[in-house]
Protein backbone atom coordinates (compact mmCIF):
# COMPACT_ATOMS: atom_id res chain seq x y z
CA MET A 1 79.54 25.85 -67.82
CA GLU A 2 82.20 28.11 -69.40
CA LYS A 3 84.92 26.52 -71.63
CA ILE A 4 88.30 27.63 -70.41
CA GLY A 5 91.67 27.86 -71.91
CA VAL A 6 94.98 28.45 -70.13
CA ILE A 7 98.23 29.65 -71.91
CA GLY A 8 101.34 28.82 -69.95
CA LEU A 9 101.49 26.10 -67.24
CA GLY A 10 103.86 27.78 -64.66
CA LEU A 11 102.90 28.23 -60.99
CA ILE A 12 99.74 30.41 -61.69
CA GLY A 13 98.60 28.79 -65.03
CA GLY A 14 99.24 25.30 -63.69
CA SER A 15 97.26 25.95 -60.52
CA ILE A 16 94.36 27.46 -62.54
CA PHE A 17 94.37 24.44 -64.82
CA LYS A 18 94.49 21.93 -61.98
CA ASP A 19 91.75 23.70 -60.03
CA LEU A 20 89.32 23.91 -62.87
CA LYS A 21 89.90 20.33 -63.93
CA ARG A 22 89.11 19.22 -60.33
CA LEU A 23 85.98 21.33 -60.35
CA GLY A 24 84.82 19.60 -63.61
CA TYR A 25 85.23 22.45 -66.04
CA ASP A 26 86.00 21.85 -69.71
CA VAL A 27 89.59 23.31 -69.59
CA ILE A 28 92.46 22.90 -71.95
CA ALA A 29 95.96 24.38 -71.94
CA VAL A 30 98.56 25.53 -74.40
CA SER A 31 102.18 25.03 -73.22
CA ASN A 32 105.56 24.55 -74.75
CA SER A 33 107.05 22.88 -71.72
CA GLN A 34 104.20 20.46 -70.60
CA SER A 35 102.45 17.57 -72.24
CA GLY A 36 99.53 15.43 -71.30
CA GLU A 37 95.79 15.10 -71.60
CA GLY A 38 94.21 18.46 -72.54
CA ILE A 39 97.50 20.14 -73.18
CA TYR A 40 98.39 21.34 -76.69
CA LYS A 41 101.07 23.28 -78.59
CA ASN A 42 99.09 25.82 -80.72
CA TYR A 43 96.60 28.56 -80.07
CA GLU A 44 94.11 27.15 -82.67
CA VAL A 45 92.57 24.88 -80.06
CA LEU A 46 91.37 28.00 -78.14
CA LYS A 47 88.95 29.08 -80.80
CA ASP A 48 85.90 27.62 -79.04
CA ARG A 49 86.89 28.78 -75.49
CA ASP A 50 84.69 31.25 -73.63
CA ILE A 51 87.47 32.45 -71.43
CA VAL A 52 91.27 32.33 -71.96
CA PHE A 53 93.85 33.01 -69.17
CA VAL A 54 97.30 34.11 -70.44
CA CYS A 55 99.75 32.99 -67.71
CA SER A 56 103.00 33.90 -69.48
CA ALA A 57 105.96 35.90 -68.32
CA MET A 58 105.33 39.62 -68.48
CA ASN A 59 107.98 40.05 -71.31
CA LYS A 60 106.11 37.52 -73.40
CA THR A 61 102.58 38.63 -72.73
CA LEU A 62 102.02 41.38 -75.29
CA LYS A 63 103.31 39.19 -78.06
CA ILE A 64 100.75 36.36 -77.04
CA LEU A 65 97.91 38.96 -76.84
CA ASP A 66 98.77 40.09 -80.38
CA GLU A 67 98.94 36.59 -81.74
CA LEU A 68 95.48 35.76 -80.07
CA GLU A 69 93.92 38.60 -82.27
CA ASN A 70 94.33 36.27 -85.26
CA VAL A 71 92.72 33.33 -83.56
CA LEU A 72 89.98 34.20 -81.21
CA PRO A 73 86.38 35.38 -81.99
CA PRO A 74 85.14 38.82 -80.64
CA GLU A 75 83.08 37.34 -77.85
CA THR A 76 85.96 35.44 -76.20
CA ILE A 77 87.06 36.90 -72.79
CA VAL A 78 90.90 37.10 -72.38
CA THR A 79 92.68 37.93 -69.23
CA ASP A 80 96.40 38.11 -68.29
CA VAL A 81 97.82 37.44 -64.79
CA CYS A 82 100.67 39.88 -64.93
CA SER A 83 101.77 41.65 -61.74
CA LEU A 84 101.75 44.98 -63.64
CA LYS A 85 98.57 46.21 -65.49
CA GLY A 86 99.48 49.48 -67.08
CA PHE A 87 101.56 48.02 -69.91
CA VAL A 88 98.82 45.67 -71.12
CA CYS A 89 96.08 48.30 -71.08
CA LYS A 90 97.50 50.45 -73.79
CA LYS A 91 95.73 48.81 -76.75
CA LYS A 92 92.11 47.78 -77.27
CA ARG A 93 91.84 44.26 -78.50
CA PRO A 94 89.27 42.74 -81.01
CA TYR A 95 88.35 40.24 -78.26
CA LYS A 96 87.00 41.12 -74.74
CA PHE A 97 90.22 41.75 -72.83
CA VAL A 98 89.99 42.12 -69.11
CA PRO A 99 93.35 42.66 -67.43
CA SER A 100 93.65 40.94 -63.98
CA HIS A 101 96.28 39.97 -61.44
CA PRO A 102 95.80 37.09 -58.77
CA MET A 103 97.56 38.10 -55.59
CA ALA A 104 98.70 34.58 -54.90
CA GLY A 105 101.86 32.51 -55.34
CA THR A 106 104.95 31.22 -53.77
CA GLU A 107 108.73 31.71 -54.16
CA HIS A 108 108.72 28.62 -56.36
CA LYS A 109 108.05 28.38 -60.08
CA GLY A 110 106.93 25.85 -62.65
CA PHE A 111 104.11 23.38 -63.19
CA GLU A 112 105.64 20.97 -60.71
CA ASN A 113 105.08 23.51 -57.97
CA SER A 114 101.49 24.43 -58.99
CA PHE A 115 98.68 23.16 -56.83
CA GLU A 116 94.85 23.05 -56.28
CA GLY A 117 93.71 25.77 -53.92
CA LEU A 118 96.54 28.30 -54.48
CA PHE A 119 93.93 31.05 -54.95
CA LYS A 120 91.56 30.15 -52.06
CA GLY A 121 91.06 33.27 -49.97
CA ALA A 122 93.34 35.41 -52.10
CA LYS A 123 92.54 38.80 -53.67
CA TRP A 124 92.26 38.81 -57.38
CA VAL A 125 92.61 42.36 -58.94
CA VAL A 126 90.52 43.15 -62.02
CA THR A 127 91.08 46.25 -64.06
CA PRO A 128 88.15 46.27 -66.54
CA VAL A 129 89.22 49.20 -68.61
CA PHE A 130 87.71 47.85 -71.85
CA GLY A 131 84.27 46.84 -70.50
CA GLU A 132 82.71 43.45 -69.46
CA SER A 133 84.13 41.56 -66.48
CA ASP A 134 81.31 39.66 -64.94
CA ARG A 135 82.02 36.27 -66.59
CA LEU A 136 85.72 36.51 -65.56
CA ILE A 137 84.68 37.54 -62.03
CA SER A 138 82.43 34.36 -61.81
CA ILE A 139 85.34 32.14 -62.67
CA ILE A 140 87.59 33.99 -60.09
CA LYS A 141 85.02 33.28 -57.34
CA VAL A 142 84.87 29.67 -58.48
CA LEU A 143 88.68 29.47 -57.90
CA GLY A 144 88.11 30.68 -54.36
CA ALA A 145 89.49 34.05 -54.81
CA GLU A 146 88.04 37.58 -53.91
CA PRO A 147 87.71 39.89 -56.96
CA LEU A 148 88.87 43.50 -56.34
CA ILE A 149 88.16 46.13 -59.00
CA THR A 150 90.53 49.05 -59.51
CA THR A 151 92.49 51.01 -62.20
CA PRO A 152 95.78 49.89 -63.83
CA GLN A 153 97.66 52.90 -62.26
CA LYS A 154 96.39 52.30 -58.70
CA HIS A 155 97.20 48.61 -58.95
CA ASP A 156 100.76 49.21 -60.17
CA GLU A 157 101.49 51.65 -57.32
CA ALA A 158 99.98 49.25 -54.78
CA ALA A 159 101.91 46.24 -56.21
CA ALA A 160 105.15 48.16 -55.91
CA MET A 161 104.44 48.76 -52.34
CA ILE A 162 103.37 45.36 -51.10
CA SER A 163 105.14 43.00 -53.56
CA HIS A 164 107.76 44.48 -55.88
CA MET A 165 109.46 46.70 -53.27
CA PRO A 166 109.58 43.95 -50.55
CA MET A 167 111.23 41.60 -53.08
CA VAL A 168 113.98 44.21 -53.90
CA ILE A 169 114.41 44.97 -50.09
CA ALA A 170 114.81 41.11 -49.36
CA GLN A 171 117.40 40.91 -52.09
CA ALA A 172 119.33 43.95 -50.80
CA LEU A 173 119.15 42.71 -47.25
CA PHE A 174 120.77 39.41 -48.29
CA LEU A 175 123.48 41.20 -50.23
CA ALA A 176 124.14 43.52 -47.19
CA ALA A 177 124.38 40.57 -44.82
CA SER A 178 126.71 38.70 -47.23
CA ASP A 179 129.41 41.14 -46.32
CA ASN A 180 129.39 39.69 -42.77
CA PRO A 181 130.33 35.88 -42.66
CA LEU A 182 129.40 35.61 -39.00
CA ALA A 183 125.96 37.21 -39.66
CA LEU A 184 125.27 34.49 -42.30
CA GLU A 185 126.53 31.77 -40.02
CA ILE A 186 124.25 32.73 -37.19
CA ALA A 187 121.14 33.70 -39.24
CA SER A 188 118.06 31.85 -38.27
CA SER A 189 114.27 31.93 -38.81
CA GLY A 190 113.94 35.69 -38.72
CA PHE A 191 116.44 36.34 -41.43
CA ARG A 192 115.12 33.28 -43.45
CA ASP A 193 111.57 34.64 -43.33
CA MET A 194 112.75 38.24 -44.16
CA THR A 195 114.69 37.11 -47.22
CA ARG A 196 112.25 34.54 -48.65
CA LEU A 197 111.22 36.89 -51.42
CA ALA A 198 114.90 36.99 -52.51
CA LEU A 199 114.16 33.52 -54.04
CA SER A 200 111.51 35.01 -56.48
CA ASN A 201 111.49 33.73 -60.03
CA GLU A 202 114.32 35.51 -61.75
CA GLU A 203 112.54 36.23 -65.04
CA MET A 204 109.57 37.61 -63.07
CA ALA A 205 111.79 39.69 -60.80
CA CYS A 206 113.73 41.26 -63.68
CA ASP A 207 110.37 42.14 -65.42
CA MET A 208 108.97 43.74 -62.27
CA VAL A 209 112.09 45.78 -61.53
CA SER A 210 112.57 47.02 -65.22
CA MET A 211 108.93 47.76 -65.94
CA ASN A 212 107.86 49.23 -62.52
CA HIS A 213 111.08 50.78 -61.35
CA LYS A 214 109.56 54.34 -60.77
CA ASN A 215 106.86 53.07 -58.45
CA ILE A 216 109.34 50.79 -56.67
CA GLU A 217 111.87 53.80 -56.12
CA HIS A 218 108.81 55.85 -54.79
CA SER A 219 107.97 53.01 -52.49
CA ILE A 220 111.41 52.72 -51.08
CA LEU A 221 111.57 56.54 -50.42
CA LYS A 222 108.40 56.05 -48.50
CA LEU A 223 109.80 53.17 -46.49
CA TYR A 224 112.92 55.23 -45.70
CA LYS A 225 110.72 58.00 -44.40
CA SER A 226 108.61 55.45 -42.28
CA VAL A 227 111.86 54.14 -40.71
CA GLY A 228 112.72 57.63 -39.70
CA ASP A 229 109.26 58.35 -38.41
CA LEU A 230 109.17 55.09 -36.56
CA ILE A 231 112.28 55.60 -34.52
CA GLY A 232 111.44 59.22 -33.99
CA VAL A 233 108.19 58.60 -32.09
CA ASN A 234 107.05 56.53 -29.20
CA TYR A 235 108.49 53.26 -30.47
CA PRO A 236 106.79 50.72 -28.05
CA GLU A 237 103.40 52.23 -28.56
CA THR A 238 103.94 52.34 -32.37
CA ILE A 239 105.07 48.66 -32.72
CA ALA A 240 102.11 47.52 -30.53
CA LYS A 241 99.79 49.35 -32.84
CA ILE A 242 101.46 47.77 -35.89
CA LYS A 243 101.17 44.24 -34.46
CA LYS A 244 97.55 44.74 -33.71
CA GLU A 245 96.73 46.06 -37.18
CA ARG A 246 98.81 43.34 -38.88
CA SER A 247 97.05 40.65 -36.85
CA LYS A 248 93.64 42.01 -37.89
CA MET A 249 94.76 42.13 -41.59
CA PHE A 250 95.93 38.62 -41.93
CA LEU A 251 93.11 37.04 -39.75
CA LYS A 252 90.49 38.05 -42.24
């Protein structure tokens, strides 16, 4: 059984840590904010790990990956969980680096909001630009997720469309409605659900917008065109088709 290390115990790292402990894995964590059994403060404890998950904020990830070069042996597999992949793939590492991104999460952050089962049924994108990914994929499956192989460029374009752009739209929608006091007073479940992503982790949101703004802007232009196309065709027939396809998509 693989020995696992987790750096960062926020929502994602905490959920990986809790799941693997429940499953009986030899798993330890490095965290500045948490303490307890199996949780340490320095990277030296990771020297004997087979796989290390780097679950830090995007703006801190490159520094951690650099620091791990002085700690880990060449055979260690290291993955990050950033919602962008292009920026971490620009440098080959002395360990076996396999960039990845679990498509799971909530609008909440922190270890206190992490939980077992977060990844069950979720897609987990892997971009094995530097080679071996089989051992990482095995752990991803153990966590209940479905691995999906692609390139960093395709991932970042897709993430902008289904994650980053919807977050920006949710924030913009709330700002627009804020100019109308009555709208906010009568807002109910539809508005609540449409603006849920406006509650996204502030640090993560700033990283996504600053580091993927070109893909986000392109996605917003596509959305604008789709709105025009939607109201310019047979609207009842089109929304019926959308409802059917969306239902199939989320019933998988």
